[in-house]
Amino acid sequence: MERKIYDPSLPENQYRHEFKYLCSCGELAMLKTRLQGLVSLDPHAGEEGVYNIRSLYFDDIYDTCFRENEAGTDPREKFRIRIYNHSSERISLELKQKVRGKTRKLSCLLTESQCRKLIKGEIPEFQKDSPELLVKLCLLMQTRYMKPKTIVEYERVPYIYPYGNVRITMDENISASNRTDLFLEEQIPLRPVLEAGWHILEVKYDEYLPDPVYRTVQLENLHQTAFSKYYLCRRYHL
């Protein structure tokens, strides 16, 4: 896979710190209580304060993305298509990059037609002004036989804090499906990938994590994990 993914001309704050923790239901409930009055729910979460995320992840013929995550390779990157609340009204193609311990996400919108082509492992039509991200994925599909490998789905409770551009997310009921052909369907077969009662907490920020937030999210038994949701879901299908 192409390795020149770090662009020194970009502002450093486009690369963010990201830490992940395995949490029990009890720990998440405690954190929700402690965060009240300090952080705000992301307005995209709607009245119920939660939304569904479904992502279709790509990998090449050598399962490079999976194996690099397992080995902790840096830099590394992976492509995914993402929808929210089982709706195809907004379909995003995203490239998640990890460089020097920080992460960055690039994205562009897809049409439903383009998405359905990619789901089938086919190259969609694009023009000279098509997003570079789509062009890059198509090139990798031609040269490294990149194709859809798994679906990751979960419910997210997102919080935001303006100072430090902090984002705290609680991802519950993380499940996987190898029926990549059903990505845009409302209902798909899913299999949980964590033991019952366990979920993932993510804390993301730019250059610093403000002390009030740092103190609030400190729990003695939090277990930090380096594995991505993609890795956890692929383990069940390799």
Protein backbone atom coordinates (compact mmCIF):
# COMPACT_ATOMS: atom_id res chain seq x y z
CA MET A 1 0.00 0.00 0.00
CA GLU A 2 1.16 3.53 -0.71
CA ARG A 3 3.23 4.82 2.19
CA LYS A 4 3.51 8.58 1.53
CA ILE A 5 0.51 9.55 3.60
CA TYR A 6 2.08 12.18 5.85
CA ASP A 7 1.89 15.68 4.38
CA PRO A 8 4.16 18.09 6.32
CA SER A 9 2.51 21.06 4.60
CA LEU A 10 -0.75 20.41 6.48
CA PRO A 11 -1.38 22.14 9.80
CA GLU A 12 -0.24 19.89 12.61
CA ASN A 13 -3.63 20.16 14.32
CA GLN A 14 -5.25 18.24 11.47
CA TYR A 15 -3.67 15.19 13.09
CA ARG A 16 -5.44 14.46 16.38
CA HIS A 17 -4.74 12.41 19.46
CA GLU A 18 -7.06 9.42 19.77
CA PHE A 19 -7.25 7.00 22.69
CA LYS A 20 -9.57 3.99 22.99
CA TYR A 21 -10.66 2.10 26.08
CA LEU A 22 -12.66 -1.04 26.76
CA CYS A 23 -15.46 -0.15 29.19
CA SER A 24 -18.16 -2.07 30.98
CA CYS A 25 -21.79 -0.92 31.03
CA GLY A 26 -21.28 0.26 34.61
CA GLU A 27 -18.23 2.34 33.70
CA LEU A 28 -20.06 3.99 30.81
CA ALA A 29 -23.02 4.79 33.05
CA MET A 30 -20.65 6.34 35.61
CA LEU A 31 -18.94 8.42 32.92
CA LYS A 32 -22.26 9.68 31.54
CA THR A 33 -23.17 10.89 35.03
CA ARG A 34 -19.81 12.56 35.58
CA LEU A 35 -19.83 14.26 32.18
CA GLN A 36 -23.21 15.93 32.74
CA GLY A 37 -22.81 19.69 32.99
CA LEU A 38 -19.23 19.58 31.71
CA VAL A 39 -19.58 18.55 28.07
CA SER A 40 -22.40 18.84 25.54
CA LEU A 41 -24.05 16.17 23.44
CA ASP A 42 -23.17 16.47 19.79
CA PRO A 43 -26.22 18.10 18.12
CA HIS A 44 -26.03 15.47 15.35
CA ALA A 45 -27.12 12.89 17.91
CA GLY A 46 -30.68 14.23 17.90
CA GLU A 47 -33.18 14.22 20.73
CA GLU A 48 -32.27 10.73 21.97
CA GLY A 49 -28.56 11.55 22.16
CA VAL A 50 -27.48 8.53 20.10
CA TYR A 51 -27.15 7.54 16.45
CA ASN A 52 -26.34 4.39 14.54
CA ILE A 53 -23.13 4.10 12.52
CA ARG A 54 -22.54 1.49 9.85
CA SER A 55 -19.20 1.31 8.02
CA LEU A 56 -18.03 -0.83 5.13
CA TYR A 57 -14.27 -1.43 5.34
CA PHE A 58 -11.92 -2.24 2.46
CA ASP A 59 -8.71 -4.23 2.46
CA ASP A 60 -6.38 -5.60 -0.20
CA ILE A 61 -5.61 -9.13 -1.32
CA TYR A 62 -2.96 -9.44 1.42
CA ASP A 63 -5.20 -8.13 4.23
CA THR A 64 -2.63 -5.39 4.72
CA CYS A 65 -4.85 -3.11 6.83
CA PHE A 66 -5.77 -5.93 9.20
CA ARG A 67 -2.20 -7.13 9.63
CA GLU A 68 -0.78 -3.62 10.07
CA ASN A 69 -3.27 -2.90 12.82
CA GLU A 70 -2.36 -6.18 14.51
CA ALA A 71 1.35 -5.30 14.32
CA GLY A 72 0.88 -1.65 15.34
CA THR A 73 2.50 -0.39 12.12
CA ASP A 74 2.94 3.38 11.86
CA PRO A 75 2.06 4.94 9.47
CA ARG A 76 -1.02 3.06 8.31
CA GLU A 77 -4.36 3.85 6.72
CA LYS A 78 -7.68 2.29 5.76
CA PHE A 79 -10.68 3.12 3.58
CA ARG A 80 -14.31 2.84 4.61
CA ILE A 81 -17.76 3.91 3.44
CA ARG A 82 -20.03 5.21 6.20
CA ILE A 83 -23.76 5.82 6.62
CA TYR A 84 -25.83 6.93 9.60
CA ASN A 85 -29.08 5.55 10.98
CA HIS A 86 -29.36 3.05 8.10
CA SER A 87 -29.99 5.92 5.66
CA SER A 88 -28.45 6.27 2.20
CA GLU A 89 -29.23 10.01 2.04
CA ARG A 90 -25.65 10.84 3.05
CA ILE A 91 -22.92 8.37 2.08
CA SER A 92 -19.31 9.23 2.92
CA LEU A 93 -16.09 7.71 1.66
CA GLU A 94 -13.45 8.11 4.37
CA LEU A 95 -9.74 7.52 4.66
CA LYS A 96 -8.55 7.06 8.25
CA GLN A 97 -4.82 7.65 8.67
CA LYS A 98 -2.59 7.01 11.66
CA VAL A 99 0.75 8.78 11.59
CA ARG A 100 3.28 9.24 14.42
CA GLY A 101 0.69 8.17 16.96
CA LYS A 102 -1.92 10.69 15.77
CA THR A 103 -4.92 10.21 13.51
CA ARG A 104 -6.53 12.12 10.66
CA LYS A 105 -9.72 11.51 8.72
CA LEU A 106 -10.27 12.63 5.11
CA SER A 107 -13.70 12.28 3.53
CA CYS A 108 -15.83 12.97 0.48
CA LEU A 109 -19.45 12.30 -0.45
CA LEU A 110 -20.53 9.43 -2.70
CA THR A 111 -23.65 9.05 -4.77
CA GLU A 112 -25.74 5.96 -4.11
CA SER A 113 -24.81 4.71 -7.58
CA GLN A 114 -21.10 5.05 -6.85
CA CYS A 115 -21.57 3.32 -3.50
CA ARG A 116 -23.41 0.35 -5.03
CA LYS A 117 -20.62 -0.09 -7.55
CA LEU A 118 -17.97 -0.08 -4.83
CA ILE A 119 -19.98 -2.56 -2.77
CA LYS A 120 -19.76 -4.97 -5.71
CA GLY A 121 -16.01 -4.40 -5.99
CA GLU A 122 -16.48 -2.51 -9.24
CA ILE A 123 -14.91 0.80 -10.31
CA PRO A 124 -17.54 3.57 -10.52
CA GLU A 125 -17.44 6.20 -13.23
CA PHE A 126 -15.75 9.43 -12.27
CA GLN A 127 -14.77 12.69 -13.95
CA LYS A 128 -11.65 14.86 -13.95
CA ASP A 129 -13.04 16.78 -11.01
CA SER A 130 -13.93 13.68 -8.99
CA PRO A 131 -12.65 13.66 -5.39
CA GLU A 132 -9.02 12.55 -5.06
CA LEU A 133 -10.08 10.15 -2.33
CA LEU A 134 -12.35 8.23 -4.69
CA VAL A 135 -9.69 8.19 -7.38
CA LYS A 136 -7.13 6.81 -4.91
CA LEU A 137 -9.45 4.02 -3.76
CA CYS A 138 -10.19 3.07 -7.37
CA LEU A 139 -6.46 2.94 -8.11
CA LEU A 140 -5.91 0.63 -5.14
CA MET A 141 -8.80 -1.55 -6.28
CA GLN A 142 -7.02 -1.95 -9.63
CA THR A 143 -3.47 -2.40 -8.38
CA ARG A 144 -3.86 -4.14 -5.01
CA TYR A 145 -7.28 -5.72 -5.52
CA MET A 146 -8.78 -3.68 -2.70
CA LYS A 147 -12.37 -4.74 -2.03
CA PRO A 148 -15.03 -4.66 0.72
CA LYS A 149 -14.16 -7.04 3.56
CA THR A 150 -16.53 -6.44 6.49
CA ILE A 151 -19.30 -4.29 7.91
CA VAL A 152 -18.96 -2.69 11.35
CA GLU A 153 -22.09 -1.39 13.08
CA TYR A 154 -22.72 0.18 16.49
CA GLU A 155 -24.64 2.86 18.39
CA ARG A 156 -22.72 6.01 19.32
CA VAL A 157 -23.30 8.49 22.13
CA PRO A 158 -21.13 11.53 21.25
CA TYR A 159 -20.01 14.42 23.46
CA ILE A 160 -18.09 17.55 22.53
CA TYR A 161 -16.04 20.07 24.49
CA PRO A 162 -14.88 23.25 22.69
CA TYR A 163 -11.52 23.80 24.36
CA GLY A 164 -8.95 21.51 22.79
CA ASN A 165 -11.58 20.43 20.26
CA VAL A 166 -12.37 17.41 22.43
CA ARG A 167 -14.72 14.66 21.28
CA ILE A 168 -15.73 11.82 23.59
CA THR A 169 -17.69 8.96 22.09
CA MET A 170 -19.25 5.89 23.66
CA ASP A 171 -19.70 3.12 21.10
CA GLU A 172 -22.07 0.40 22.24
CA ASN A 173 -23.23 -2.94 20.79
CA ILE A 174 -20.36 -3.22 18.31
CA SER A 175 -21.23 -5.88 15.74
CA ALA A 176 -19.87 -7.25 12.47
CA SER A 177 -21.26 -8.73 9.29
CA ASN A 178 -19.54 -10.34 6.33
CA ARG A 179 -22.60 -9.69 4.14
CA THR A 180 -20.98 -6.68 2.52
CA ASP A 181 -23.46 -6.90 -0.35
CA LEU A 182 -26.23 -5.82 2.06
CA PHE A 183 -24.49 -2.66 3.25
CA LEU A 184 -27.29 -0.30 2.18
CA GLU A 185 -30.13 -2.52 3.38
CA GLU A 186 -31.93 -1.45 6.55
CA GLN A 187 -31.62 -4.83 8.27
CA ILE A 188 -28.56 -7.08 7.96
CA PRO A 189 -27.28 -10.12 9.90
CA LEU A 190 -24.90 -8.99 12.64
CA ARG A 191 -22.66 -10.71 15.17
CA PRO A 192 -21.40 -9.04 18.38
CA VAL A 193 -17.59 -8.88 18.55
CA LEU A 194 -17.08 -8.07 22.24
CA GLU A 195 -18.17 -9.99 25.30
CA ALA A 196 -21.63 -9.07 26.54
CA GLY A 197 -21.64 -5.83 28.51
CA TRP A 198 -18.42 -4.41 27.02
CA HIS A 199 -18.17 -1.34 24.81
CA ILE A 200 -15.54 1.14 23.56
CA LEU A 201 -14.86 4.64 24.81
CA GLU A 202 -12.89 7.00 22.54
CA VAL A 203 -11.30 10.29 23.57
CA LYS A 204 -10.08 12.54 20.74
CA TYR A 205 -8.48 15.97 20.95
CA ASP A 206 -6.05 18.28 19.17
CA GLU A 207 -2.95 19.43 21.05
CA TYR A 208 -4.10 19.18 24.65
CA LEU A 209 -6.78 17.57 26.79
CA PRO A 210 -8.19 20.17 29.22
CA ASP A 211 -7.77 19.27 32.90
CA PRO A 212 -11.52 19.21 33.71
CA VAL A 213 -12.12 16.61 30.99
CA TYR A 214 -8.98 14.66 31.88
CA ARG A 215 -10.00 14.37 35.52
CA THR A 216 -13.56 13.43 34.64
CA VAL A 217 -12.70 10.52 32.36
CA GLN A 218 -10.17 9.01 34.76
CA LEU A 219 -11.42 5.64 35.94
CA GLU A 220 -9.09 3.20 37.66
CA ASN A 221 -10.02 0.11 35.69
CA LEU A 222 -10.10 1.48 32.14
CA HIS A 223 -8.25 -0.80 29.71
CA GLN A 224 -6.67 1.06 26.80
CA THR A 225 -6.75 -0.82 23.49
CA ALA A 226 -4.82 -0.20 20.28
CA PHE A 227 -7.05 -2.38 18.12
CA SER A 228 -9.57 -0.76 15.81
CA LYS A 229 -13.19 -1.81 15.41
CA TYR A 230 -12.25 -3.02 11.93
CA TYR A 231 -9.61 -5.32 13.38
CA LEU A 232 -11.97 -6.67 16.04
CA CYS A 233 -14.64 -7.40 13.43
CA ARG A 234 -12.28 -8.98 10.90
CA ARG A 235 -10.98 -11.46 13.49
CA TYR A 236 -14.28 -13.30 13.25
CA HIS A 237 -14.11 -13.73 9.48
CA LEU A 238 -10.48 -14.62 8.73
